[in-house]
Protein backbone atom coordinates (compact mmCIF):
# COMPACT_ATOMS: atom_id res chain seq x y z
CA MET A 1 98.69 123.71 99.22
CA PHE A 2 99.86 127.30 97.95
CA GLU A 3 103.46 126.75 98.70
CA SER A 4 103.15 122.97 97.09
CA PHE A 5 101.88 124.62 94.08
CA VAL A 6 104.38 127.35 93.59
CA ILE A 7 107.28 124.98 94.20
CA MET A 8 105.74 122.44 91.82
CA LEU A 9 105.14 125.38 88.93
CA ARG A 10 108.47 127.15 89.64
CA GLU A 11 110.18 123.97 88.77
CA GLY A 12 108.31 122.98 86.10
CA ILE A 13 108.39 126.34 84.45
CA GLU A 14 112.08 126.06 84.36
CA ALA A 15 111.89 122.81 82.14
CA ALA A 16 108.78 123.93 80.13
CA LEU A 17 110.77 127.34 79.12
CA VAL A 18 114.02 125.19 78.27
CA ILE A 19 111.82 122.32 76.53
CA GLY A 20 109.38 125.11 74.73
CA ILE A 21 112.42 126.99 73.29
CA MET A 22 113.49 123.61 71.65
CA MET A 23 110.56 122.98 70.38
CA VAL A 24 109.94 126.46 68.93
CA VAL A 25 113.05 126.51 67.10
CA LEU A 26 112.68 122.96 65.51
CA LYS A 27 109.57 124.10 64.24
CA ARG A 28 110.86 127.13 62.84
CA ALA A 29 114.05 125.43 61.39
CA ALA A 30 111.42 122.73 59.61
CA ARG A 31 113.31 119.95 61.28
CA ARG A 32 109.79 118.01 63.17
CA ASP A 33 111.32 115.11 62.23
CA LEU A 34 113.62 115.78 65.39
CA GLU A 35 110.64 116.34 67.71
CA HIS A 36 110.08 112.59 68.47
CA CYS A 37 113.64 112.66 70.27
CA VAL A 38 112.18 115.49 72.20
CA PHE A 39 109.30 113.23 73.42
CA TRP A 40 111.24 110.28 74.12
CA GLY A 41 113.47 112.04 76.24
CA ILE A 42 110.66 113.49 78.36
CA GLY A 43 108.87 110.12 78.65
CA LEU A 44 112.33 107.87 79.71
CA ALA A 45 112.84 111.38 82.20
CA ALA A 46 109.35 110.34 83.71
CA MET A 47 110.06 106.81 84.15
CA ALA A 48 113.76 107.44 85.51
CA SER A 49 112.50 109.98 88.00
CA ILE A 50 110.53 107.01 89.49
CA GLY A 51 113.51 105.00 89.65
CA ALA A 52 115.60 107.52 90.85
CA ALA A 53 113.35 108.16 93.71
CA PHE A 54 113.08 104.90 94.55
CA ALA A 55 116.94 104.50 94.84
CA LEU A 56 117.11 107.84 96.92
CA SER A 57 114.82 106.38 99.32
CA ARG A 58 116.07 102.80 99.86
CA LEU A 59 120.00 103.27 98.52
CA PRO A 60 122.55 104.92 100.58
CA LEU A 61 123.30 107.40 97.94
CA ASN A 62 124.64 111.03 98.47
CA GLU A 63 121.85 113.34 97.56
CA GLU A 64 123.61 116.43 97.50
CA ALA A 65 126.38 114.61 94.84
CA TYR A 66 123.42 113.11 92.79
CA GLU A 67 121.73 116.46 92.55
CA GLY A 68 124.85 118.56 92.12
CA ALA A 69 125.91 116.18 89.30
CA LEU A 70 122.44 117.04 87.38
CA TYR A 71 122.94 120.57 87.98
CA PHE A 72 126.54 120.63 86.45
CA ILE A 73 125.60 118.12 83.38
CA SER A 74 122.31 120.15 82.68
CA ALA A 75 124.29 123.40 82.57
CA ILE A 76 126.62 121.92 80.45
CA PHE A 77 123.71 120.97 78.02
CA VAL A 78 121.95 123.90 77.94
CA LEU A 79 125.39 125.74 77.03
CA SER A 80 125.62 123.35 74.22
CA MET A 81 121.76 123.99 73.19
CA MET A 82 122.85 127.99 73.27
CA LEU A 83 125.90 126.97 70.73
CA TRP A 84 123.44 124.87 68.54
CA MET A 85 120.96 127.65 68.48
CA ARG A 86 123.64 130.26 67.55
CA THR A 87 124.42 128.54 64.22
CA LYS A 88 120.37 127.44 64.00
CA ALA A 89 119.96 131.23 64.09
CA LYS A 90 122.44 132.30 61.28
CA THR A 91 121.33 129.59 58.97
CA LEU A 92 117.67 130.43 59.03
CA GLN A 93 118.26 134.17 59.15
CA ALA A 94 120.20 133.80 55.79
CA GLN A 95 117.44 131.19 54.65
CA ILE A 96 114.89 133.94 55.52
CA GLU A 97 116.75 137.20 53.96
CA LYS A 98 116.78 134.99 50.38
CA LYS A 99 112.84 133.38 50.85
CA VAL A 100 113.91 129.96 50.62
CA MET A 101 112.39 128.75 54.36
CA ASP A 102 110.38 126.29 52.70
CA THR A 103 113.39 124.21 51.03
CA VAL A 104 114.68 123.60 54.56
CA GLY A 105 112.51 120.71 54.92
CA SER A 106 112.59 119.07 51.50
CA VAL A 107 116.73 119.14 52.38
CA ALA A 108 116.71 118.64 55.92
CA ARG A 109 117.68 114.46 56.97
CA THR A 110 117.84 113.27 60.49
CA ASN A 111 121.27 113.48 61.98
CA SER A 112 121.64 111.00 64.43
CA LYS A 113 124.07 113.02 66.40
CA GLU A 114 121.50 115.71 66.86
CA ALA A 115 118.64 113.09 67.41
CA TRP A 116 120.74 111.81 70.30
CA GLY A 117 121.53 115.12 71.72
CA LEU A 118 118.01 116.55 71.43
CA GLY A 119 116.69 113.58 73.17
CA ALA A 120 119.59 113.73 75.92
CA PHE A 121 118.88 117.37 76.80
CA ALA A 122 115.04 116.79 77.17
CA PHE A 123 115.81 113.98 79.73
CA LEU A 124 118.02 116.03 81.50
CA MET A 125 115.31 119.06 82.15
CA VAL A 126 112.72 116.87 82.63
CA PHE A 127 114.94 114.19 85.06
CA ARG A 128 116.56 117.06 86.95
CA GLU A 129 113.43 117.84 89.11
CA GLY A 130 111.63 114.96 88.15
CA GLY A 131 113.04 112.64 91.07
CA GLU A 132 112.20 114.92 93.63
CA ALA A 133 108.49 115.68 92.60
CA VAL A 134 108.08 111.90 92.64
CA MET A 135 109.54 111.39 95.90
CA PHE A 136 107.38 114.30 97.32
CA LEU A 137 104.54 112.88 95.86
CA SER A 138 104.83 109.27 97.08
CA ALA A 139 105.41 110.28 100.59
CA VAL A 140 101.55 111.68 100.51
CA ASN A 141 99.36 110.29 103.27
CA LEU A 142 95.42 110.54 103.26
CA ASN A 143 95.61 113.04 105.49
CA THR A 144 93.79 116.37 104.84
CA ASP A 145 97.11 118.21 104.82
CA ALA A 146 98.70 115.80 102.66
CA VAL A 147 96.31 115.78 100.24
CA LEU A 148 95.87 119.39 99.67
CA SER A 149 99.39 119.41 99.20
CA PHE A 150 99.22 116.78 96.56
CA MET A 151 96.43 118.87 94.85
CA GLY A 152 98.54 121.91 95.00
CA SER A 153 101.36 120.16 93.23
CA LEU A 154 99.49 118.49 90.59
CA ALA A 155 97.75 122.23 89.72
CA GLY A 156 101.13 123.61 89.66
CA LEU A 157 102.63 120.94 87.35
CA ILE A 158 99.66 121.27 84.48
CA LEU A 159 99.69 124.94 85.13
CA ALA A 160 103.33 124.64 83.56
CA VAL A 161 102.15 122.10 81.05
CA ILE A 162 99.70 124.34 79.62
CA PHE A 163 102.23 127.35 79.95
CA CYS A 164 104.92 125.10 77.68
CA VAL A 165 102.12 124.13 75.31
CA LEU A 166 101.23 128.26 74.79
CA PHE A 167 104.81 129.16 75.01
CA ILE A 168 105.25 126.87 71.92
CA GLN A 169 102.46 127.96 69.68
CA GLY A 170 102.81 131.43 70.73
CA SER A 171 106.30 132.02 69.89
CA LEU A 172 105.97 130.39 66.25
CA HIS A 173 105.67 133.41 64.13
CA VAL A 174 107.50 136.39 66.48
CA ASN A 175 110.56 137.72 64.77
CA LEU A 176 113.47 135.05 64.55
CA ARG A 177 116.19 137.64 65.37
CA ARG A 178 114.52 138.74 68.16
CA PHE A 179 113.49 135.39 69.63
CA PHE A 180 117.24 134.01 69.24
CA THR A 181 118.22 136.91 71.22
CA VAL A 182 115.91 137.16 73.89
CA THR A 183 116.13 133.46 74.46
CA GLU A 184 120.00 133.38 74.68
CA TRP A 185 119.55 135.53 77.37
CA LEU A 186 117.12 133.55 79.03
CA LEU A 187 119.46 130.32 78.71
CA GLY A 188 122.22 132.43 79.75
CA ILE A 189 120.24 133.16 83.42
CA PHE A 190 119.16 129.39 83.26
CA VAL A 191 122.95 128.62 83.21
CA ILE A 192 124.22 130.85 85.94
CA GLN A 193 121.53 129.27 88.23
CA LEU A 194 122.45 125.94 87.47
CA PHE A 195 126.23 126.01 87.90
CA VAL A 196 125.48 127.87 90.97
CA ASN A 197 123.07 125.49 92.56
CA GLY A 198 125.61 122.81 91.46
CA TYR A 199 128.18 124.36 93.34
CA HIS A 200 125.90 124.62 96.31
CA GLU A 201 125.14 120.92 96.40
CA PHE A 202 128.81 119.73 95.81
CA SER A 203 130.08 121.88 98.41
CA GLU A 204 127.49 120.44 100.65
CA ALA A 205 128.26 116.79 99.79
CA GLY A 206 132.37 117.88 100.41
CA ILE A 207 133.40 117.20 96.77
CA LEU A 208 133.91 121.04 96.12
CA PRO A 209 135.85 123.18 98.48
CA ALA A 210 133.56 125.95 100.33
CA THR A 211 133.88 128.58 103.19
CA GLN A 212 131.59 130.66 105.07
CA ALA A 213 132.24 133.52 102.39
CA SER A 214 131.96 131.38 99.30
CA MET A 215 128.19 129.65 100.93
CA ALA A 216 127.10 133.53 101.83
CA PHE A 217 127.91 134.45 98.43
CA VAL A 218 125.96 131.50 96.44
CA GLY A 219 123.08 131.48 99.47
CA PRO A 220 120.91 134.37 98.18
CA VAL A 221 120.66 133.07 94.63
CA VAL A 222 120.06 129.40 96.21
CA ARG A 223 117.58 131.18 98.62
CA ASN A 224 115.87 133.63 96.21
CA ASN A 225 115.24 131.03 93.38
CA SER A 226 112.07 132.48 92.58
CA LEU A 227 113.93 135.58 91.30
CA PHE A 228 115.44 133.73 88.51
CA VAL A 229 111.81 132.35 87.18
CA LEU A 230 110.62 135.86 87.44
CA ALA A 231 113.51 137.06 84.95
CA LEU A 232 113.13 133.78 82.83
CA LEU A 233 109.36 134.89 82.81
CA ALA A 234 110.39 138.35 82.05
CA LEU A 235 111.77 137.68 78.92
CA PRO A 236 109.21 135.73 76.72
CA LEU A 237 107.05 138.26 77.69
CA PHE A 238 109.39 140.78 76.01
CA ILE A 239 109.01 138.43 72.74
CA TRP A 240 105.09 138.37 72.61
CA MET A 241 104.50 142.20 73.60
CA THR A 242 106.56 143.02 70.85
CA ARG A 243 106.60 140.53 68.27
CA SER A 244 106.13 141.11 64.57
CA SER A 245 103.82 138.49 62.99
CA GLY A 246 104.86 137.17 59.38
CA ILE A 247 101.59 136.05 58.99
CA ARG A 248 99.73 139.37 59.64
CA GLN A 249 102.41 141.10 56.89
CA SER A 250 101.65 138.25 54.44
CA GLY A 251 97.81 138.51 54.86
CA GLY A 252 97.47 141.96 53.20
CA GLU A 253 99.17 140.63 49.78
CA ILE A 254 96.70 137.91 49.02
CA GLY A 255 93.09 137.26 48.78
CA GLY A 256 89.97 134.89 48.55
CA ALA A 257 90.28 131.76 50.27
CA ASP A 258 93.98 131.96 51.24
CA ALA A 259 93.37 135.45 52.49
CA ARG A 260 90.75 133.69 55.10
CA LEU A 261 93.18 130.85 55.95
CA PHE A 262 96.18 133.43 56.68
CA ALA A 263 93.03 135.52 58.73
CA ALA A 264 92.30 132.47 60.69
CA LYS A 265 96.16 131.39 61.25
CA ALA A 266 96.42 134.82 62.54
CA ARG A 267 93.79 134.73 64.85
CA ARG A 268 94.77 131.51 66.29
CA GLU A 269 98.11 132.68 66.86
CA ARG A 270 96.96 135.56 68.29
CA ASN A 271 94.77 133.61 70.99
CA TYR A 272 97.80 131.71 71.72
CA ARG A 273 99.74 134.59 72.72
CA TYR A 274 97.06 136.16 74.34
CA GLY A 275 96.89 132.77 76.66
CA ALA A 276 100.43 132.42 76.63
CA VAL A 277 100.57 136.26 78.32
CA PHE A 278 98.04 135.57 80.90
CA CYS A 279 99.50 132.06 82.09
CA ALA A 280 102.69 133.85 82.28
CA LEU A 281 101.19 136.99 84.25
CA SER A 282 99.67 134.63 86.35
CA VAL A 283 102.61 132.47 87.25
CA LEU A 284 104.61 135.80 87.72
CA PHE A 285 102.03 136.74 89.98
CA PHE A 286 102.04 133.44 92.42
CA VAL A 287 106.01 133.45 92.12
CA GLY A 288 106.39 136.99 93.10
CA ILE A 289 104.11 136.09 96.35
CA VAL A 290 106.49 133.63 97.57
CA TYR A 291 109.67 135.83 96.54
CA ALA A 292 108.55 138.33 98.44
CA ARG A 293 108.23 136.07 101.25
CA GLU A 294 111.84 134.79 100.50
CA LEU A 295 112.95 138.20 100.52
CA THR A 296 111.77 138.56 104.08
CA PRO A 297 114.63 138.31 106.88
CA LYS A 298 114.82 135.21 108.55
CA THR A 299 115.97 135.39 112.46
CA LEU A 300 116.50 133.01 115.06
CA SER A 301 113.85 132.06 117.53
CA PRO A 302 115.01 132.36 121.17
CA PRO A 303 116.35 129.49 122.39
CA GLU A 304 114.22 127.42 125.04
CA PRO A 305 115.33 127.25 128.55
CA VAL A 306 116.96 124.02 129.72
CA THR A 307 117.43 122.22 133.06
CA ARG A 308 121.15 121.62 134.50
CA GLU A 309 121.10 118.40 136.91
CA GLY A 310 124.75 117.66 137.94
CA SER A 311 127.21 117.60 134.70
CA SER A 312 124.45 117.08 132.54
CA ILE A 313 121.71 118.90 130.88
CA VAL A 314 118.28 117.17 130.76
CA ILE A 315 115.12 117.82 128.82
CA PRO A 316 111.89 115.97 129.29
CA VAL A 317 111.04 114.17 125.97
CA ALA A 318 107.55 115.34 125.91
CA GLN A 319 108.88 118.74 125.23
CA ILE A 320 110.26 118.00 121.68
CA ALA A 321 107.89 114.98 120.92
CA ASP A 322 105.96 116.91 118.20
CA GLY A 323 108.16 116.21 115.32
CA THR A 324 109.21 120.00 114.95
CA LEU A 325 112.53 121.76 115.32
CA HIS A 326 113.59 123.14 119.32
CA ARG A 327 116.42 125.41 119.78
CA MET A 328 117.77 125.16 123.06
CA GLY A 329 120.50 127.23 125.02
CA TYR A 330 122.93 127.51 127.55
CA SER A 331 125.38 129.67 128.64
CA VAL A 332 128.84 128.81 129.01
CA GLY A 333 130.80 131.77 130.05
CA ASP A 334 130.19 134.93 127.84
CA ARG A 335 128.80 132.52 124.89
CA LEU A 336 125.56 130.88 124.38
CA VAL A 337 125.76 127.67 123.46
CA ARG A 338 122.72 126.88 121.09
CA PHE A 339 121.84 123.58 120.19
CA LEU A 340 118.69 121.75 118.26
CA ALA A 341 116.48 118.87 119.08
CA MET A 342 113.76 117.13 117.47
CA LYS A 343 111.96 113.59 117.10
CA THR A 344 111.97 112.65 113.52
CA GLY A 345 109.40 110.50 111.29
CA ASP A 346 111.29 107.29 112.82
CA GLY A 347 110.82 108.04 116.34
CA THR A 348 114.52 109.02 116.92
CA TYR A 349 115.29 112.03 119.23
CA ARG A 350 118.00 113.55 117.53
CA THR A 351 120.50 116.53 118.63
CA GLY A 352 122.89 118.60 117.49
CA LEU A 353 124.52 122.23 117.38
CA ASP A 354 123.01 125.01 115.79
CA ALA A 355 125.89 125.38 113.69
CA CYS A 356 127.89 123.47 110.90
CA GLN A 357 131.33 123.51 109.78
CA ILE A 358 130.85 125.39 106.41
CA CYS A 359 128.70 128.15 107.78
CA GLY A 360 129.56 128.69 111.47
CA SER A 361 127.17 129.68 113.90
CA PHE A 362 124.30 131.19 111.54
CA GLY A 363 121.44 128.32 112.75
CA TYR A 364 118.64 126.95 111.25
CA ASN A 365 115.17 127.23 111.03
CA GLN A 366 112.53 124.46 109.87
CA GLU A 367 110.84 125.15 106.34
CA GLY A 368 108.17 122.54 105.55
CA LYS A 369 109.85 119.29 106.40
CA ASN A 370 113.55 120.36 106.05
CA LEU A 371 116.04 122.01 107.86
CA ILE A 372 117.25 125.54 106.17
CA CYS A 373 120.80 126.92 106.87
CA LEU A 374 120.39 130.99 107.45
CA ASN A 375 123.23 131.22 105.45
CA CYS A 376 123.20 129.36 102.37
CA SER A 377 119.67 128.07 102.45
CA ALA A 378 121.02 124.68 102.47
CA GLU A 379 117.90 122.12 102.74
CA ILE A 380 118.72 119.51 105.66
CA ASP A 381 116.48 116.43 106.02
CA PRO A 382 115.96 115.98 109.86
CA SER A 383 116.66 112.28 109.77
CA THR A 384 120.37 113.65 109.13
CA LEU A 385 120.52 115.90 112.32
CA GLY A 386 123.36 114.88 114.05
CA GLN A 387 125.42 113.52 111.34
CA PRO A 388 128.56 114.85 110.14
CA GLY A 389 128.89 116.36 106.58
CA GLY A 390 128.21 119.32 104.72
CA CYS A 391 126.15 121.72 105.97
CA ASN A 392 124.12 119.55 108.49
CA PRO A 393 123.94 121.15 111.95
CA LEU A 394 127.43 119.36 113.60
CA PRO A 395 126.59 116.50 115.90
CA LEU A 396 126.15 116.61 119.09
CA ALA A 397 125.71 113.26 121.42
CA SER A 398 122.74 112.82 123.96
CA THR A 399 120.66 109.65 125.18
CA VAL A 400 117.18 109.12 126.47
CA THR A 401 117.09 107.94 129.82
CA ASN A 402 113.58 107.93 132.03
CA GLY A 403 112.00 109.88 129.44
CA GLN A 404 114.92 112.68 129.76
CA LEU A 405 116.96 113.63 126.83
CA VAL A 406 120.42 113.74 128.54
CA ILE A 407 123.65 115.72 127.17
CA GLN A 408 126.89 116.04 128.96
CA LEU A 409 127.84 119.29 129.90
CA LYS A 410 131.23 118.90 128.67
CA LEU A 411 130.17 118.55 125.34
CA LEU A 412 128.50 122.29 124.96
CA GLU A 413 131.45 123.42 126.83
CA GLY A 414 133.78 122.21 124.22
CA GLU A 415 131.90 123.86 121.85
CA ALA A 416 131.50 127.15 122.94
CA PHE A 417 134.33 128.66 121.07
CA ARG A 418 131.90 128.16 117.63
CA PHE A 419 129.62 130.75 119.32
CA HIS A 420 130.13 134.66 119.36
CA ALA A 421 130.66 136.29 122.93
CA GLN A 422 127.61 137.99 123.84
CA SER A 423 127.06 141.71 124.60
CA ASN A 424 126.19 142.56 128.14
CA LYS A 425 122.74 143.87 126.04
CA GLU A 426 122.15 140.26 124.37
CA LYS A 427 122.62 138.70 128.11
């Protein structure tokens, strides 16, 4: 339950921050005529997520290519938003200096290009994770673990939405120059994350070239995704902790009913800010726990023993019928050839080498329902175990006969070159 909560919270916070920044800019620019485009984008993204989840589960689509395209397109849109915000920042700061901020609303007209751009941006930010979330939730069965997982995901999504609302309301009266400076840093971090993840997914799909070194370089970024969320949240905390309020400054210059009105606005803004700070600190706490776990070095479990019968390796299917990943090993000279075996959800017994074409013999562990490459943190669906391509474990043919999984020795001997020679101590 906790893992599902943090995953949904972590992904939701990313979209909430970017959408929140956009809404604050529109409110500060007196361009509320464009807000409906953002809401339309969010609504369409929710519906498109359901369609994407259906297509990914039913149609022969390349999930890595799909996710990689979303990452790169989203990164381009975030870059365009940064440029748009920089233009708006210059305009708004000049208007504030001339004390004509109120005139912006009277002369602003909805620009169709801006409207479509903002709507598309909101759509992509939500759709990027929406399809995956819908697929996750649709797979929930009515058992205790699945229901708890669903509840954790729902709680994470709700907290992300609450944070978004508090972020918007708590940032309306911060110093504008500070707001734009800090949010540019925030969006810059977000762009880096999107491009790195996009390269990772396209490399898995074989669209972009990849080497063991390049995947090892991007692996820590992908693996320590929580670090990005911690950095993203630290920046708005800086805004709120050091902000100066136009409301508070104006309140001392007026009296009577207007003074009470300004005081009420100041209290309301302060409450929103305190709520946003508390929410952000809560998220930092939960994500920090996961980040500490992500920093823990991942090691391979010792290979399980196997039995040789003639020219084959035989493994009783009862030994691997529990639906979890089993790592086996067979020595060929001074090399231990590791291979994986498991029974997947469709009842099929699958096998593959504990190595891939890109990353080599770093190996895989199982986390939740997925297999994770220890070099680049690629998530592998167990149903693709034994299929070529990407960062999938290299294929290893096997058959099931008389209740035993059978692998030909010559196949293991032919793959021994992929594994390092063992020292005497390892033997």
